[in-house]
């Protein structure tokens, strides 16, 4: 079974959703499943250098108190999944195109889960700027990729068009928010669904596959 996860590297609910998917799959330890992370940019207009995160959020939510309310809700959901978000340490809201390029290369190298996890941890727990090439190279190296190869790829435009085309496919499918889980290329669930909901979709897809056989 293949589970595609349409996601953005700066989406807190995508990190939370990752943990919930892992919990669901732990209930089916014998299931042969491949998880493929697909690109989506929540803020495709973000300049290459990113935005000052504080200024961006205050402009988006209108005032500090509303932003704090959103932070509180996200932090509480993260804590339920064992994640200690350090949202107050994040200084930049990065453009995520290069993180998606890295994810694409990581999939080819067979280490996509490690890279996705590394990106989420760098941004949400360590408060680092994942728009910075050196941070991306560090994530790649920690996952077992060759730093020099990744550095050279990031210096050019390798696979930028491919990532943008893949994102366009998601938007044409009607995806407007992430995470979006596509189970066995048949069932789509939008949002950081609870493990039982994900498990229900997985079991339904398995039943459909058995019936087709």
N, C-alpha and C. Protein backbone atom coordinates (compact mmCIF):
# COMPACT_ATOMS: atom_id res chain seq x y z
N UNK A 1 0.84 -1.20 0.00
CA UNK A 1 0.00 0.00 0.00
C UNK A 1 0.88 1.25 0.00
N UNK A 2 0.44 2.23 -0.75
CA UNK A 2 1.13 3.52 -0.77
C UNK A 2 0.25 4.57 -0.12
N UNK A 3 0.84 5.37 0.75
CA UNK A 3 0.16 6.51 1.35
C UNK A 3 0.92 7.76 0.96
N UNK A 4 0.27 8.63 0.19
CA UNK A 4 0.88 9.90 -0.19
C UNK A 4 0.44 10.96 0.81
N UNK A 5 1.41 11.75 1.26
CA UNK A 5 1.11 12.83 2.20
C UNK A 5 1.50 14.15 1.54
N UNK A 6 0.50 14.94 1.19
CA UNK A 6 0.76 16.26 0.62
C UNK A 6 0.97 17.20 1.79
N UNK A 7 2.11 17.89 1.79
CA UNK A 7 2.54 18.55 3.01
C UNK A 7 3.44 19.74 2.70
N UNK A 8 3.55 20.65 3.67
CA UNK A 8 4.54 21.73 3.58
C UNK A 8 5.45 21.66 4.80
N UNK A 9 6.70 21.99 4.60
CA UNK A 9 7.71 21.86 5.65
C UNK A 9 7.51 22.83 6.80
N UNK A 10 6.72 23.89 6.60
CA UNK A 10 6.48 24.86 7.67
C UNK A 10 5.06 24.75 8.23
N UNK A 11 4.40 23.65 7.94
CA UNK A 11 3.03 23.43 8.43
C UNK A 11 3.08 22.64 9.74
N UNK A 12 2.73 23.26 10.87
CA UNK A 12 2.79 22.53 12.15
C UNK A 12 1.85 21.34 12.19
N UNK A 13 0.69 21.47 11.53
CA UNK A 13 -0.25 20.36 11.52
C UNK A 13 0.26 19.17 10.72
N UNK A 14 1.18 19.44 9.78
CA UNK A 14 1.78 18.34 9.02
C UNK A 14 2.71 17.51 9.90
N UNK A 15 3.44 18.17 10.80
CA UNK A 15 4.30 17.44 11.74
C UNK A 15 3.43 16.65 12.71
N UNK A 16 2.38 17.28 13.22
CA UNK A 16 1.44 16.59 14.10
C UNK A 16 0.79 15.41 13.36
N UNK A 17 0.41 15.64 12.10
CA UNK A 17 -0.19 14.58 11.29
C UNK A 17 0.76 13.42 11.06
N UNK A 18 2.05 13.72 10.95
CA UNK A 18 3.05 12.67 10.77
C UNK A 18 3.06 11.75 11.98
N UNK A 19 3.03 12.33 13.16
CA UNK A 19 3.01 11.52 14.37
C UNK A 19 1.74 10.67 14.45
N UNK A 20 0.62 11.24 14.06
CA UNK A 20 -0.64 10.51 14.13
C UNK A 20 -0.67 9.37 13.12
N UNK A 21 -0.08 9.60 11.95
CA UNK A 21 0.00 8.52 10.96
C UNK A 21 0.89 7.40 11.47
N UNK A 22 1.99 7.77 12.12
CA UNK A 22 2.89 6.75 12.69
C UNK A 22 2.17 5.93 13.75
N UNK A 23 1.32 6.57 14.56
CA UNK A 23 0.55 5.83 15.56
C UNK A 23 -0.43 4.86 14.89
N UNK A 24 -1.07 5.33 13.83
CA UNK A 24 -2.02 4.47 13.11
C UNK A 24 -1.32 3.25 12.53
N UNK A 25 -0.19 3.47 11.89
CA UNK A 25 0.53 2.37 11.26
C UNK A 25 1.11 1.40 12.29
N UNK A 26 1.38 1.90 13.50
CA UNK A 26 1.87 1.01 14.56
C UNK A 26 0.82 -0.03 14.93
N UNK A 27 -0.46 0.25 14.63
CA UNK A 27 -1.53 -0.70 14.89
C UNK A 27 -1.61 -1.78 13.81
N UNK A 28 -0.89 -1.57 12.71
CA UNK A 28 -0.87 -2.56 11.62
C UNK A 28 0.59 -2.87 11.29
N UNK A 29 1.32 -3.48 12.22
CA UNK A 29 2.77 -3.68 12.04
C UNK A 29 3.14 -4.58 10.86
N UNK A 30 2.21 -5.42 10.42
CA UNK A 30 2.51 -6.34 9.31
C UNK A 30 2.18 -5.74 7.94
N UNK A 31 1.66 -4.52 7.94
CA UNK A 31 1.27 -3.90 6.68
C UNK A 31 2.50 -3.40 5.92
N UNK A 32 2.60 -3.79 4.68
CA UNK A 32 3.68 -3.31 3.81
C UNK A 32 3.24 -1.98 3.21
N UNK A 33 3.77 -0.88 3.71
CA UNK A 33 3.32 0.44 3.28
C UNK A 33 4.50 1.33 2.92
N UNK A 34 4.33 2.08 1.86
CA UNK A 34 5.31 3.09 1.47
C UNK A 34 4.65 4.46 1.63
N UNK A 35 5.31 5.33 2.38
CA UNK A 35 4.82 6.69 2.57
C UNK A 35 5.62 7.62 1.67
N UNK A 36 4.93 8.37 0.85
CA UNK A 36 5.59 9.31 -0.07
C UNK A 36 5.10 10.72 0.27
N UNK A 37 6.05 11.60 0.58
CA UNK A 37 5.73 12.98 0.93
C UNK A 37 5.73 13.83 -0.34
N UNK A 38 4.62 14.51 -0.58
CA UNK A 38 4.43 15.31 -1.78
C UNK A 38 4.44 16.80 -1.45
N UNK A 39 4.87 17.65 -2.38
CA UNK A 39 5.04 19.08 -2.08
C UNK A 39 3.77 19.91 -2.12
N UNK A 40 3.75 20.90 -1.26
CA UNK A 40 2.70 21.92 -1.24
C UNK A 40 3.29 23.15 -0.56
N UNK A 41 3.05 24.31 -1.13
CA UNK A 41 3.52 25.55 -0.52
C UNK A 41 2.33 26.34 0.02
N UNK A 42 2.29 26.49 1.32
CA UNK A 42 1.22 27.28 1.92
C UNK A 42 1.32 28.74 1.54
N UNK A 43 2.55 29.21 1.34
CA UNK A 43 2.79 30.61 1.00
C UNK A 43 3.70 30.69 -0.23
N UNK A 44 3.19 30.33 -1.41
CA UNK A 44 4.05 30.29 -2.60
C UNK A 44 4.60 31.65 -3.01
N UNK A 45 3.99 32.73 -2.50
CA UNK A 45 4.45 34.07 -2.84
C UNK A 45 5.64 34.51 -2.00
N UNK A 46 6.05 33.71 -1.03
CA UNK A 46 7.15 34.08 -0.14
C UNK A 46 8.43 34.31 -0.94
N UNK A 47 9.12 35.44 -0.74
CA UNK A 47 10.37 35.68 -1.46
C UNK A 47 11.45 34.69 -1.03
N UNK A 48 12.48 34.58 -1.85
CA UNK A 48 13.54 33.60 -1.60
C UNK A 48 14.16 33.79 -0.22
N UNK A 49 14.26 35.04 0.23
CA UNK A 49 14.88 35.31 1.53
C UNK A 49 13.93 35.12 2.69
N UNK A 50 12.65 34.86 2.40
CA UNK A 50 11.66 34.65 3.45
C UNK A 50 11.13 35.95 4.02
N UNK A 51 10.28 35.81 5.04
CA UNK A 51 9.71 36.96 5.75
C UNK A 51 10.18 36.95 7.20
N UNK A 52 10.18 38.12 7.80
CA UNK A 52 10.28 38.17 9.25
C UNK A 52 9.01 37.52 9.81
N UNK A 53 9.16 36.46 10.58
CA UNK A 53 8.00 35.68 10.98
C UNK A 53 7.03 36.45 11.88
N UNK A 54 7.57 37.22 12.79
CA UNK A 54 6.72 37.98 13.71
C UNK A 54 5.87 38.98 12.94
N UNK A 55 6.50 39.71 12.03
CA UNK A 55 5.77 40.70 11.24
C UNK A 55 4.72 40.02 10.36
N UNK A 56 5.06 38.88 9.78
CA UNK A 56 4.14 38.18 8.91
C UNK A 56 2.90 37.72 9.68
N UNK A 57 3.11 37.10 10.84
CA UNK A 57 1.98 36.57 11.60
C UNK A 57 1.09 37.68 12.14
N UNK A 58 1.69 38.78 12.56
CA UNK A 58 0.89 39.90 13.06
C UNK A 58 0.06 40.50 11.93
N UNK A 59 0.63 40.54 10.73
CA UNK A 59 -0.11 41.05 9.57
C UNK A 59 -1.23 40.08 9.19
N UNK A 60 -0.96 38.78 9.31
CA UNK A 60 -1.94 37.77 8.93
C UNK A 60 -3.12 37.71 9.91
N UNK A 61 -2.80 37.72 11.21
CA UNK A 61 -3.85 37.55 12.21
C UNK A 61 -4.41 38.87 12.75
N UNK A 62 -3.75 39.97 12.42
CA UNK A 62 -4.30 41.26 12.81
C UNK A 62 -3.78 41.80 14.12
N UNK A 63 -3.55 40.94 15.10
CA UNK A 63 -3.02 41.41 16.37
C UNK A 63 -2.29 40.27 17.08
N UNK A 64 -1.50 40.64 18.08
CA UNK A 64 -0.66 39.67 18.78
C UNK A 64 -1.50 38.65 19.53
N UNK A 65 -2.60 39.08 20.12
CA UNK A 65 -3.40 38.18 20.94
C UNK A 65 -4.01 37.05 20.11
N UNK A 66 -4.45 37.38 18.89
CA UNK A 66 -5.01 36.34 18.03
C UNK A 66 -3.93 35.35 17.63
N UNK A 67 -2.74 35.87 17.33
CA UNK A 67 -1.62 35.00 16.98
C UNK A 67 -1.27 34.08 18.16
N UNK A 68 -1.31 34.63 19.38
CA UNK A 68 -1.02 33.84 20.57
C UNK A 68 -2.05 32.73 20.74
N UNK A 69 -3.31 33.03 20.42
CA UNK A 69 -4.36 32.02 20.52
C UNK A 69 -4.12 30.85 19.58
N UNK A 70 -3.68 31.16 18.37
CA UNK A 70 -3.36 30.11 17.40
C UNK A 70 -2.18 29.30 17.89
N UNK A 71 -1.16 29.99 18.39
CA UNK A 71 0.02 29.31 18.94
C UNK A 71 -0.38 28.32 20.03
N UNK A 72 -1.25 28.77 20.92
CA UNK A 72 -1.65 27.95 22.06
C UNK A 72 -2.34 26.67 21.59
N UNK A 73 -3.21 26.78 20.61
CA UNK A 73 -3.93 25.62 20.10
C UNK A 73 -2.97 24.63 19.43
N UNK A 74 -2.06 25.16 18.61
CA UNK A 74 -1.10 24.30 17.92
C UNK A 74 -0.18 23.62 18.92
N UNK A 75 0.31 24.39 19.90
CA UNK A 75 1.24 23.83 20.89
C UNK A 75 0.57 22.70 21.69
N UNK A 76 -0.71 22.90 22.04
CA UNK A 76 -1.42 21.87 22.81
C UNK A 76 -1.56 20.58 22.01
N UNK A 77 -1.91 20.71 20.73
CA UNK A 77 -2.04 19.52 19.88
C UNK A 77 -0.69 18.83 19.71
N UNK A 78 0.38 19.62 19.59
CA UNK A 78 1.71 19.05 19.44
C UNK A 78 2.13 18.29 20.70
N UNK A 79 1.84 18.87 21.85
CA UNK A 79 2.21 18.22 23.11
C UNK A 79 1.53 16.88 23.27
N UNK A 80 0.29 16.76 22.76
CA UNK A 80 -0.42 15.48 22.83
C UNK A 80 0.31 14.40 22.04
N UNK A 81 1.09 14.82 21.06
CA UNK A 81 1.84 13.87 20.23
C UNK A 81 3.31 13.78 20.65
N UNK A 82 3.63 14.34 21.81
CA UNK A 82 5.01 14.26 22.32
C UNK A 82 5.97 15.23 21.67
N UNK A 83 5.44 16.29 21.06
CA UNK A 83 6.28 17.27 20.37
C UNK A 83 6.33 18.56 21.17
N UNK A 84 7.53 19.06 21.39
CA UNK A 84 7.73 20.29 22.15
C UNK A 84 8.08 21.41 21.18
N UNK A 85 7.06 22.08 20.65
CA UNK A 85 7.28 23.13 19.66
C UNK A 85 7.87 24.38 20.33
N UNK A 86 8.93 24.90 19.72
CA UNK A 86 9.55 26.13 20.20
C UNK A 86 9.19 27.25 19.23
N UNK A 87 7.89 27.53 19.12
CA UNK A 87 7.41 28.48 18.12
C UNK A 87 7.98 29.88 18.32
N UNK A 88 8.25 30.24 19.56
CA UNK A 88 8.72 31.60 19.84
C UNK A 88 10.16 31.83 19.38
N UNK A 89 10.89 30.75 19.08
CA UNK A 89 12.29 30.91 18.66
C UNK A 89 12.43 31.09 17.15
N UNK A 90 11.36 30.87 16.41
CA UNK A 90 11.43 30.99 14.95
C UNK A 90 11.48 32.45 14.54
N UNK A 91 12.51 32.81 13.80
CA UNK A 91 12.70 34.20 13.38
C UNK A 91 12.23 34.47 11.95
N UNK A 92 12.34 33.45 11.09
CA UNK A 92 12.01 33.65 9.69
C UNK A 92 10.89 32.71 9.25
N UNK A 93 10.05 33.19 8.35
CA UNK A 93 9.10 32.34 7.65
C UNK A 93 9.71 32.11 6.27
N UNK A 94 10.27 30.93 6.03
CA UNK A 94 11.04 30.71 4.81
C UNK A 94 10.19 30.36 3.59
N UNK A 95 10.76 30.58 2.43
CA UNK A 95 10.24 29.99 1.21
C UNK A 95 10.62 28.51 1.26
N UNK A 96 9.68 27.61 0.96
CA UNK A 96 9.94 26.19 1.17
C UNK A 96 10.25 25.40 -0.10
N UNK A 97 10.43 26.07 -1.23
CA UNK A 97 10.67 25.34 -2.47
C UNK A 97 11.92 24.46 -2.38
N UNK A 98 12.99 24.97 -1.75
CA UNK A 98 14.22 24.18 -1.66
C UNK A 98 14.06 23.00 -0.72
N UNK A 99 13.26 23.14 0.33
CA UNK A 99 13.01 22.00 1.21
C UNK A 99 12.26 20.90 0.45
N UNK A 100 11.37 21.29 -0.45
CA UNK A 100 10.64 20.30 -1.25
C UNK A 100 11.56 19.65 -2.29
N UNK A 101 12.48 20.42 -2.82
CA UNK A 101 13.48 19.83 -3.73
C UNK A 101 14.29 18.78 -2.97
N UNK A 102 14.70 19.13 -1.75
CA UNK A 102 15.46 18.18 -0.94
C UNK A 102 14.64 16.93 -0.66
N UNK A 103 13.36 17.10 -0.35
CA UNK A 103 12.49 15.94 -0.12
C UNK A 103 12.42 15.04 -1.35
N UNK A 104 12.38 15.66 -2.52
CA UNK A 104 12.34 14.89 -3.77
C UNK A 104 13.61 14.06 -3.91
N UNK A 105 14.74 14.67 -3.69
CA UNK A 105 16.01 13.93 -3.80
C UNK A 105 16.10 12.85 -2.72
N UNK A 106 15.58 13.15 -1.54
CA UNK A 106 15.61 12.17 -0.45
C UNK A 106 14.77 10.95 -0.78
N UNK A 107 13.65 11.17 -1.48
CA UNK A 107 12.82 10.03 -1.89
C UNK A 107 13.60 9.14 -2.84
N UNK A 108 14.29 9.75 -3.77
CA UNK A 108 15.12 8.99 -4.72
C UNK A 108 16.20 8.21 -3.98
N UNK A 109 16.75 8.80 -2.91
CA UNK A 109 17.82 8.16 -2.15
C UNK A 109 17.31 7.18 -1.11
N UNK A 110 15.99 7.10 -0.94
CA UNK A 110 15.42 6.17 0.02
C UNK A 110 15.47 6.63 1.47
N UNK A 111 15.63 7.94 1.69
CA UNK A 111 15.73 8.45 3.07
C UNK A 111 14.74 9.60 3.28
N UNK A 112 13.61 9.56 2.58
CA UNK A 112 12.68 10.68 2.65
C UNK A 112 12.10 10.89 4.05
N UNK A 113 11.75 9.82 4.73
CA UNK A 113 11.17 9.98 6.05
C UNK A 113 12.15 10.69 6.99
N UNK A 114 13.41 10.32 6.92
CA UNK A 114 14.42 10.94 7.78
C UNK A 114 14.58 12.42 7.47
N UNK A 115 14.52 12.78 6.19
CA UNK A 115 14.66 14.18 5.80
C UNK A 115 13.42 14.98 6.21
N UNK A 116 12.24 14.42 5.98
CA UNK A 116 11.01 15.11 6.40
C UNK A 116 11.03 15.35 7.90
N UNK A 117 11.39 14.31 8.65
CA UNK A 117 11.49 14.44 10.11
C UNK A 117 12.52 15.50 10.49
N UNK A 118 13.66 15.48 9.82
CA UNK A 118 14.71 16.44 10.12
C UNK A 118 14.29 17.87 9.85
N UNK A 119 13.60 18.09 8.75
CA UNK A 119 13.11 19.44 8.43
C UNK A 119 12.13 19.94 9.48
N UNK A 120 11.19 19.08 9.84
CA UNK A 120 10.20 19.46 10.86
C UNK A 120 10.90 19.78 12.18
N UNK A 121 11.83 18.95 12.58
CA UNK A 121 12.51 19.17 13.87
C UNK A 121 13.34 20.45 13.84
N UNK A 122 14.03 20.69 12.74
CA UNK A 122 14.84 21.90 12.64
C UNK A 122 13.98 23.15 12.79
N UNK A 123 12.82 23.13 12.14
CA UNK A 123 12.00 24.33 12.14
C UNK A 123 11.16 24.49 13.40
N UNK A 124 10.48 23.43 13.80
CA UNK A 124 9.51 23.56 14.89
C UNK A 124 10.10 23.35 16.28
N UNK A 125 11.17 22.59 16.39
CA UNK A 125 11.74 22.30 17.70
C UNK A 125 13.03 23.09 17.94
N UNK A 126 13.86 23.20 16.90
CA UNK A 126 15.12 23.93 17.06
C UNK A 126 15.04 25.37 16.59
N UNK A 127 13.94 25.74 15.91
CA UNK A 127 13.73 27.12 15.50
C UNK A 127 14.67 27.61 14.42
N UNK A 128 15.18 26.70 13.59
CA UNK A 128 16.13 27.10 12.55
C UNK A 128 15.39 27.46 11.25
N UNK A 129 16.10 28.18 10.39
CA UNK A 129 15.55 28.64 9.12
C UNK A 129 15.79 27.59 8.05
N UNK A 130 14.74 26.85 7.68
CA UNK A 130 14.91 25.79 6.69
C UNK A 130 14.88 26.32 5.26
N UNK A 131 14.95 27.64 5.12
CA UNK A 131 15.19 28.24 3.82
C UNK A 131 16.68 28.46 3.60
N UNK A 132 17.47 28.28 4.65
CA UNK A 132 18.92 28.45 4.59
C UNK A 132 19.54 27.17 4.01
N UNK A 133 20.29 27.29 2.91
CA UNK A 133 20.89 26.09 2.30
C UNK A 133 21.75 25.28 3.27
N UNK A 134 22.45 25.94 4.17
CA UNK A 134 23.31 25.20 5.09
C UNK A 134 22.49 24.35 6.06
N UNK A 135 21.32 24.84 6.45
CA UNK A 135 20.43 24.05 7.31
C UNK A 135 19.92 22.84 6.53
N UNK A 136 19.55 23.06 5.27
CA UNK A 136 19.08 21.95 4.44
C UNK A 136 20.17 20.91 4.24
N UNK A 137 21.37 21.36 4.03
CA UNK A 137 22.50 20.44 3.84
C UNK A 137 22.74 19.64 5.12
N UNK A 138 22.60 20.29 6.26
CA UNK A 138 22.76 19.59 7.54
C UNK A 138 21.71 18.50 7.71
N UNK A 139 20.46 18.81 7.34
CA UNK A 139 19.39 17.80 7.41
C UNK A 139 19.70 16.63 6.49
N UNK A 140 20.13 16.94 5.28
CA UNK A 140 20.46 15.90 4.31
C UNK A 140 21.58 15.00 4.81
N UNK A 141 22.62 15.62 5.35
CA UNK A 141 23.77 14.87 5.84
C UNK A 141 23.38 13.97 7.01
N UNK A 142 22.56 14.48 7.92
CA UNK A 142 22.11 13.68 9.06
C UNK A 142 21.30 12.46 8.60
N UNK A 143 20.65 12.60 7.44
CA UNK A 143 19.83 11.50 6.91
C UNK A 143 20.66 10.51 6.08
N UNK A 144 21.94 10.80 5.91
CA UNK A 144 22.81 9.89 5.17
C UNK A 144 23.07 10.28 3.73
N UNK A 145 22.62 11.47 3.33
CA UNK A 145 22.88 11.94 1.97
C UNK A 145 24.26 12.61 1.90
N UNK A 146 24.79 12.72 0.70
CA UNK A 146 26.11 13.31 0.53
C UNK A 146 25.99 14.84 0.49
N UNK A 147 26.63 15.49 1.45
CA UNK A 147 26.49 16.93 1.61
C UNK A 147 26.94 17.69 0.37
N UNK A 148 28.05 17.28 -0.22
CA UNK A 148 28.58 18.01 -1.38
C UNK A 148 27.63 17.91 -2.57
N UNK A 149 27.02 16.76 -2.75
CA UNK A 149 26.07 16.58 -3.85
C UNK A 149 24.85 17.47 -3.64
N UNK A 150 24.33 17.48 -2.44
CA UNK A 150 23.15 18.30 -2.13
C UNK A 150 23.48 19.77 -2.28
N UNK A 151 24.66 20.17 -1.85
CA UNK A 151 25.05 21.58 -1.97
C UNK A 151 25.05 22.02 -3.44
N UNK A 152 25.63 21.20 -4.30
CA UNK A 152 25.68 21.55 -5.72
C UNK A 152 24.28 21.60 -6.33
N UNK A 153 23.42 20.69 -5.93
CA UNK A 153 22.05 20.68 -6.45
C UNK A 153 21.30 21.94 -6.00
N UNK A 154 21.49 22.32 -4.75
CA UNK A 154 20.80 23.50 -4.23
C UNK A 154 21.29 24.79 -4.88
N UNK A 155 22.53 24.79 -5.33
CA UNK A 155 23.09 25.99 -5.96
C UNK A 155 22.46 26.26 -7.32
N UNK A 156 21.88 25.22 -7.92
CA UNK A 156 21.21 25.38 -9.21
C UNK A 156 19.71 25.27 -9.08
N UNK A 157 19.06 25.04 -10.21
CA UNK A 157 17.59 24.94 -10.23
C UNK A 157 17.11 23.51 -10.45
N UNK A 158 17.96 22.53 -10.14
CA UNK A 158 17.61 21.14 -10.38
C UNK A 158 16.27 20.77 -9.75
N UNK A 159 15.37 20.27 -10.57
CA UNK A 159 14.07 19.73 -10.15
C UNK A 159 13.11 20.76 -9.57
N UNK A 160 13.42 22.03 -9.72
CA UNK A 160 12.48 23.07 -9.26
C UNK A 160 11.17 22.98 -10.04
N UNK A 161 11.29 22.88 -11.37
CA UNK A 161 10.09 22.79 -12.20
C UNK A 161 9.29 21.53 -11.89
N UNK A 162 9.98 20.43 -11.62
CA UNK A 162 9.30 19.18 -11.32
C UNK A 162 8.48 19.31 -10.04
N UNK A 163 9.07 19.94 -9.01
CA UNK A 163 8.37 20.14 -7.74
C UNK A 163 7.15 21.03 -7.93
N UNK A 164 7.32 22.09 -8.71
CA UNK A 164 6.20 23.01 -8.95
C UNK A 164 5.08 22.32 -9.73
N UNK A 165 5.45 21.47 -10.68
CA UNK A 165 4.43 20.73 -11.43
C UNK A 165 3.69 19.75 -10.53
N UNK A 166 4.42 19.11 -9.62
CA UNK A 166 3.78 18.16 -8.72
C UNK A 166 2.83 18.90 -7.76
N UNK A 167 3.25 20.08 -7.34
CA UNK A 167 2.37 20.88 -6.48
C UNK A 167 1.11 21.30 -7.26
N UNK A 168 1.29 21.65 -8.52
CA UNK A 168 0.15 22.05 -9.36
C UNK A 168 -0.84 20.90 -9.49
N UNK A 169 -0.34 19.68 -9.56
CA UNK A 169 -1.22 18.51 -9.63
C UNK A 169 -2.10 18.45 -8.38
N UNK A 170 -1.49 18.69 -7.21
CA UNK A 170 -2.25 18.66 -5.96
C UNK A 170 -3.33 19.74 -5.96
N UNK A 171 -2.98 20.93 -6.41
CA UNK A 171 -3.96 22.03 -6.43
C UNK A 171 -5.08 21.73 -7.42
N UNK A 172 -4.72 21.12 -8.55
CA UNK A 172 -5.74 20.77 -9.55
C UNK A 172 -6.68 19.68 -9.03
N UNK A 173 -6.19 18.88 -8.09
CA UNK A 173 -7.01 17.86 -7.46
C UNK A 173 -7.98 18.47 -6.45
N UNK A 174 -7.77 19.74 -6.15
CA UNK A 174 -8.64 20.41 -5.19
C UNK A 174 -8.05 20.58 -3.81
N UNK A 175 -6.76 20.25 -3.66
CA UNK A 175 -6.11 20.40 -2.37
C UNK A 175 -5.85 21.88 -2.11
N UNK A 176 -6.36 22.38 -1.01
CA UNK A 176 -6.14 23.78 -0.63
C UNK A 176 -5.50 23.90 0.75
N UNK A 177 -5.46 22.80 1.48
CA UNK A 177 -4.85 22.81 2.80
C UNK A 177 -4.14 21.50 3.06
N UNK A 178 -3.19 21.54 3.99
CA UNK A 178 -2.39 20.35 4.29
C UNK A 178 -2.32 20.17 5.81
N UNK A 179 -2.04 18.91 6.24
CA UNK A 179 -1.71 17.75 5.41
C UNK A 179 -2.94 17.17 4.72
N UNK A 180 -2.69 16.49 3.62
CA UNK A 180 -3.72 15.74 2.92
C UNK A 180 -3.16 14.34 2.70
N UNK A 181 -3.83 13.35 3.28
CA UNK A 181 -3.39 11.96 3.18
C UNK A 181 -4.19 11.27 2.07
N UNK A 182 -3.48 10.67 1.13
CA UNK A 182 -4.14 9.91 0.07
C UNK A 182 -3.75 8.44 0.25
N UNK A 183 -4.74 7.65 0.62
CA UNK A 183 -4.50 6.25 0.98
C UNK A 183 -4.76 5.35 -0.22
N UNK A 184 -3.71 4.65 -0.65
CA UNK A 184 -3.81 3.68 -1.74
C UNK A 184 -4.36 4.30 -3.02
N UNK A 185 -4.09 5.59 -3.22
CA UNK A 185 -4.51 6.34 -4.41
C UNK A 185 -6.02 6.37 -4.59
N UNK A 186 -6.75 6.15 -3.49
CA UNK A 186 -8.21 6.09 -3.58
C UNK A 186 -8.91 7.03 -2.60
N UNK A 187 -8.48 7.00 -1.35
CA UNK A 187 -9.16 7.74 -0.29
C UNK A 187 -8.32 8.93 0.15
N UNK A 188 -8.94 10.09 0.26
CA UNK A 188 -8.24 11.30 0.68
C UNK A 188 -8.81 11.81 2.00
N UNK A 189 -7.92 12.14 2.91
CA UNK A 189 -8.31 12.73 4.19
C UNK A 189 -7.52 14.02 4.37
N UNK A 190 -8.22 15.10 4.62
CA UNK A 190 -7.59 16.41 4.76
C UNK A 190 -7.50 16.77 6.23
N UNK A 191 -6.33 17.28 6.62
CA UNK A 191 -6.12 17.71 7.99
C UNK A 191 -5.35 16.69 8.79
N UNK A 192 -4.90 17.11 9.99
CA UNK A 192 -4.13 16.22 10.87
C UNK A 192 -5.08 15.27 11.57
N UNK A 193 -5.57 14.30 10.84
CA UNK A 193 -6.58 13.37 11.34
C UNK A 193 -6.06 12.56 12.53
N UNK A 194 -6.98 12.22 13.42
CA UNK A 194 -6.62 11.37 14.55
C UNK A 194 -6.26 9.97 14.04
N UNK A 195 -5.42 9.25 14.80
CA UNK A 195 -4.99 7.92 14.34
C UNK A 195 -6.13 6.97 14.00
N UNK A 196 -7.24 7.03 14.76
CA UNK A 196 -8.33 6.10 14.48
C UNK A 196 -8.99 6.37 13.13
N UNK A 197 -9.04 7.66 12.75
CA UNK A 197 -9.60 7.99 11.44
C UNK A 197 -8.68 7.52 10.32
N UNK A 198 -7.39 7.70 10.50
CA UNK A 198 -6.42 7.23 9.51
C UNK A 198 -6.47 5.71 9.41
N UNK A 199 -6.58 5.07 10.55
CA UNK A 199 -6.63 3.60 10.57
C UNK A 199 -7.89 3.10 9.87
N UNK A 200 -8.99 3.81 10.05
CA UNK A 200 -10.24 3.43 9.39
C UNK A 200 -10.09 3.51 7.87
N UNK A 201 -9.42 4.56 7.41
CA UNK A 201 -9.20 4.72 5.96
C UNK A 201 -8.28 3.64 5.42
N UNK A 202 -7.25 3.31 6.18
CA UNK A 202 -6.32 2.26 5.77
C UNK A 202 -7.04 0.92 5.67
N UNK A 203 -7.83 0.61 6.69
CA UNK A 203 -8.56 -0.67 6.68
C UNK A 203 -9.58 -0.73 5.55
N UNK A 204 -10.22 0.41 5.27
CA UNK A 204 -11.19 0.45 4.18
C UNK A 204 -10.49 0.20 2.84
N UNK A 205 -9.32 0.81 2.66
CA UNK A 205 -8.57 0.62 1.42
C UNK A 205 -8.14 -0.85 1.28
N UNK A 206 -7.73 -1.45 2.40
CA UNK A 206 -7.34 -2.87 2.36
C UNK A 206 -8.53 -3.74 1.99
N UNK A 207 -9.71 -3.42 2.53
CA UNK A 207 -10.90 -4.20 2.21
C UNK A 207 -11.27 -4.07 0.75
N UNK A 208 -11.13 -2.86 0.20
CA UNK A 208 -11.41 -2.65 -1.21
C UNK A 208 -10.46 -3.45 -2.08
N UNK A 209 -9.19 -3.48 -1.69
CA UNK A 209 -8.19 -4.21 -2.46
C UNK A 209 -8.49 -5.71 -2.43
N UNK A 210 -8.89 -6.21 -1.26
CA UNK A 210 -9.22 -7.63 -1.14
C UNK A 210 -10.45 -7.98 -1.99
N UNK A 211 -11.42 -7.08 -1.99
CA UNK A 211 -12.64 -7.33 -2.77
C UNK A 211 -12.34 -7.34 -4.26
N UNK A 212 -11.43 -6.47 -4.69
CA UNK A 212 -11.07 -6.40 -6.11
C UNK A 212 -10.37 -7.67 -6.57
N UNK A 213 -9.61 -8.28 -5.65
CA UNK A 213 -8.91 -9.52 -6.00
C UNK A 213 -9.89 -10.70 -6.09
